[in-house]
N, C-alpha and C. Protein backbone atom coordinates (compact mmCIF):
# COMPACT_ATOMS: atom_id res chain seq x y z
N MET A 1 0.83 -1.18 0.00
CA MET A 1 0.00 0.00 0.00
C MET A 1 0.87 1.25 0.00
N ARG A 2 0.45 2.20 -0.78
CA ARG A 2 1.15 3.48 -0.81
C ARG A 2 0.53 4.42 0.21
N PRO A 3 1.37 5.25 0.86
CA PRO A 3 0.80 6.22 1.80
C PRO A 3 0.00 7.28 1.06
N ARG A 4 -1.00 7.83 1.73
CA ARG A 4 -1.81 8.88 1.12
C ARG A 4 -0.98 10.14 0.93
N ALA A 5 -1.34 10.93 -0.06
CA ALA A 5 -0.64 12.18 -0.32
C ALA A 5 -0.86 13.15 0.84
N GLY A 6 0.21 13.83 1.25
CA GLY A 6 0.09 14.83 2.30
C GLY A 6 0.23 14.28 3.71
N THR A 7 0.59 13.01 3.84
CA THR A 7 0.71 12.44 5.19
C THR A 7 2.15 12.05 5.51
N GLY A 8 3.08 12.30 4.61
CA GLY A 8 4.47 11.89 4.82
C GLY A 8 5.23 12.83 5.74
N ILE A 9 6.45 12.44 6.04
CA ILE A 9 7.29 13.24 6.94
C ILE A 9 7.63 14.59 6.33
N LEU A 10 7.78 14.66 5.00
CA LEU A 10 8.11 15.93 4.36
C LEU A 10 6.96 16.92 4.47
N CYS A 11 5.75 16.44 4.38
CA CYS A 11 4.60 17.33 4.51
C CYS A 11 4.51 17.87 5.93
N GLN A 12 4.74 17.04 6.91
CA GLN A 12 4.69 17.47 8.30
C GLN A 12 5.80 18.47 8.59
N MET A 13 6.99 18.21 8.04
CA MET A 13 8.10 19.13 8.25
C MET A 13 7.82 20.46 7.57
N GLY A 14 7.20 20.44 6.41
CA GLY A 14 6.87 21.66 5.69
C GLY A 14 5.90 22.53 6.44
N ARG A 15 4.96 21.91 7.13
CA ARG A 15 3.98 22.69 7.90
C ARG A 15 4.64 23.37 9.09
N GLU A 16 5.64 22.76 9.66
CA GLU A 16 6.36 23.38 10.78
C GLU A 16 7.35 24.43 10.28
N LEU A 17 7.93 24.20 9.12
CA LEU A 17 8.95 25.08 8.57
C LEU A 17 8.35 26.32 7.90
N GLY A 18 7.13 26.21 7.41
CA GLY A 18 6.49 27.30 6.69
C GLY A 18 6.45 28.62 7.43
N PRO A 19 5.93 28.65 8.66
CA PRO A 19 5.90 29.92 9.39
C PRO A 19 7.28 30.52 9.64
N TRP A 20 8.27 29.67 9.83
CA TRP A 20 9.64 30.17 10.03
C TRP A 20 10.16 30.83 8.76
N LEU A 21 9.87 30.24 7.61
CA LEU A 21 10.31 30.83 6.34
C LEU A 21 9.61 32.16 6.07
N VAL A 22 8.33 32.24 6.40
CA VAL A 22 7.61 33.50 6.23
C VAL A 22 8.19 34.57 7.14
N GLY A 23 8.46 34.21 8.40
CA GLY A 23 9.06 35.16 9.34
C GLY A 23 10.42 35.63 8.88
N LEU A 24 11.23 34.70 8.39
CA LEU A 24 12.56 35.05 7.87
C LEU A 24 12.44 35.99 6.68
N GLY A 25 11.47 35.74 5.81
CA GLY A 25 11.25 36.63 4.67
C GLY A 25 10.86 38.03 5.09
N ILE A 26 10.03 38.14 6.11
CA ILE A 26 9.62 39.45 6.61
C ILE A 26 10.82 40.20 7.19
N VAL A 27 11.68 39.50 7.92
CA VAL A 27 12.87 40.13 8.49
C VAL A 27 13.80 40.62 7.38
N VAL A 28 13.98 39.81 6.35
CA VAL A 28 14.85 40.21 5.23
C VAL A 28 14.29 41.44 4.53
N VAL A 29 12.98 41.49 4.34
CA VAL A 29 12.35 42.66 3.71
C VAL A 29 12.54 43.89 4.58
N LEU A 30 12.36 43.77 5.89
CA LEU A 30 12.54 44.92 6.78
C LEU A 30 13.97 45.44 6.75
N ILE A 31 14.94 44.54 6.76
CA ILE A 31 16.35 44.96 6.67
C ILE A 31 16.61 45.64 5.33
N GLY A 32 16.03 45.11 4.26
CA GLY A 32 16.18 45.72 2.95
C GLY A 32 15.60 47.12 2.88
N VAL A 33 14.43 47.31 3.48
CA VAL A 33 13.81 48.64 3.50
C VAL A 33 14.67 49.61 4.31
N LEU A 34 15.19 49.16 5.46
CA LEU A 34 16.05 50.02 6.25
C LEU A 34 17.32 50.41 5.50
N ALA A 35 17.91 49.46 4.79
CA ALA A 35 19.11 49.76 4.01
C ALA A 35 18.79 50.70 2.85
N TRP A 36 17.65 50.50 2.20
CA TRP A 36 17.26 51.32 1.05
C TRP A 36 16.98 52.76 1.46
N THR A 37 16.38 52.95 2.64
CA THR A 37 16.05 54.30 3.09
C THR A 37 17.25 55.03 3.70
N GLY A 38 18.33 54.31 3.95
CA GLY A 38 19.52 54.95 4.51
C GLY A 38 19.61 54.86 6.02
N ALA A 39 18.68 54.14 6.65
CA ALA A 39 18.69 54.02 8.10
C ALA A 39 19.88 53.20 8.60
N LEU A 40 20.47 52.41 7.73
CA LEU A 40 21.64 51.60 8.11
C LEU A 40 22.92 52.14 7.48
N SER A 41 22.94 53.41 7.12
CA SER A 41 24.11 53.96 6.44
C SER A 41 25.33 54.02 7.35
N TRP A 42 25.14 54.03 8.66
CA TRP A 42 26.25 54.05 9.61
C TRP A 42 26.97 52.71 9.63
N PHE A 43 26.26 51.63 9.30
CA PHE A 43 26.88 50.31 9.35
C PHE A 43 27.89 50.18 8.23
N GLY A 44 29.10 49.82 8.57
CA GLY A 44 30.18 49.75 7.59
C GLY A 44 31.09 50.96 7.63
N ARG A 45 30.75 51.92 8.46
CA ARG A 45 31.57 53.13 8.61
C ARG A 45 32.01 53.30 10.05
N LEU A 46 32.17 52.21 10.74
CA LEU A 46 32.57 52.26 12.14
C LEU A 46 34.08 52.46 12.25
N PRO A 47 34.54 53.02 13.36
CA PRO A 47 35.99 53.12 13.57
C PRO A 47 36.59 51.70 13.61
N GLY A 48 37.65 51.50 12.89
CA GLY A 48 38.27 50.18 12.81
C GLY A 48 38.04 49.50 11.48
N ASP A 49 37.10 50.01 10.69
CA ASP A 49 36.91 49.51 9.33
C ASP A 49 37.99 50.12 8.44
N ILE A 50 38.61 49.31 7.62
CA ILE A 50 39.74 49.76 6.80
C ILE A 50 39.26 50.06 5.39
N ARG A 51 39.59 51.26 4.91
CA ARG A 51 39.29 51.68 3.53
C ARG A 51 40.57 52.18 2.88
N VAL A 52 40.83 51.67 1.72
CA VAL A 52 41.99 52.12 0.95
C VAL A 52 41.49 52.45 -0.45
N SER A 53 41.67 53.71 -0.87
CA SER A 53 41.25 54.14 -2.20
C SER A 53 42.47 54.57 -3.00
N GLY A 54 42.49 54.19 -4.23
CA GLY A 54 43.56 54.58 -5.13
C GLY A 54 43.01 54.91 -6.50
N GLU A 55 43.89 55.17 -7.43
CA GLU A 55 43.47 55.49 -8.79
C GLU A 55 42.83 54.30 -9.49
N ARG A 56 43.33 53.11 -9.17
CA ARG A 56 42.88 51.92 -9.91
C ARG A 56 41.76 51.16 -9.20
N GLY A 57 41.41 51.53 -7.98
CA GLY A 57 40.34 50.80 -7.31
C GLY A 57 40.25 51.12 -5.83
N ARG A 58 39.35 50.41 -5.18
CA ARG A 58 39.14 50.60 -3.75
C ARG A 58 39.11 49.25 -3.06
N VAL A 59 39.58 49.25 -1.81
CA VAL A 59 39.52 48.06 -0.98
C VAL A 59 38.85 48.45 0.33
N TYR A 60 37.90 47.65 0.75
CA TYR A 60 37.18 47.92 1.99
C TYR A 60 37.17 46.64 2.82
N ILE A 61 37.65 46.73 4.06
CA ILE A 61 37.69 45.58 4.96
C ILE A 61 36.93 45.97 6.23
N PRO A 62 35.70 45.47 6.40
CA PRO A 62 34.86 45.88 7.53
C PRO A 62 35.14 45.08 8.81
N ILE A 63 36.30 45.25 9.39
CA ILE A 63 36.69 44.46 10.56
C ILE A 63 35.77 44.75 11.75
N THR A 64 35.58 46.00 12.09
CA THR A 64 34.75 46.35 13.24
C THR A 64 33.29 46.03 12.97
N SER A 65 32.82 46.30 11.77
CA SER A 65 31.43 46.02 11.44
C SER A 65 31.14 44.52 11.53
N MET A 66 32.09 43.70 11.08
CA MET A 66 31.87 42.25 11.15
C MET A 66 31.87 41.76 12.58
N SER A 67 32.76 42.26 13.41
CA SER A 67 32.80 41.80 14.79
C SER A 67 31.60 42.32 15.57
N TRP A 68 31.11 43.51 15.23
CA TRP A 68 29.93 44.05 15.90
C TRP A 68 28.70 43.25 15.56
N SER A 69 28.56 42.87 14.30
CA SER A 69 27.35 42.13 13.89
C SER A 69 27.35 40.71 14.46
N ARG A 70 28.50 40.14 14.69
CA ARG A 70 28.57 38.78 15.26
C ARG A 70 28.26 38.79 16.75
N SER A 71 28.57 39.89 17.43
CA SER A 71 28.37 39.92 18.88
C SER A 71 26.93 40.23 19.26
N SER A 72 26.14 40.77 18.33
CA SER A 72 24.76 41.10 18.70
C SER A 72 23.79 40.01 18.33
């Protein structure tokens, strides 16, 4: 006998995972809106972030920004 459609382990996992994916999507959209409006313009310009600009290009190493985002 084959199991009925919608009763397998993947269907049950999907029902539990669905709300988490929706919540994650909402958080990503909110962060995107904040970045687009300029509310996060300070991030990446913290003391300790290294910027080197020259004629041929730019290098940016966000040391402080990376350590700050990991600690919160």
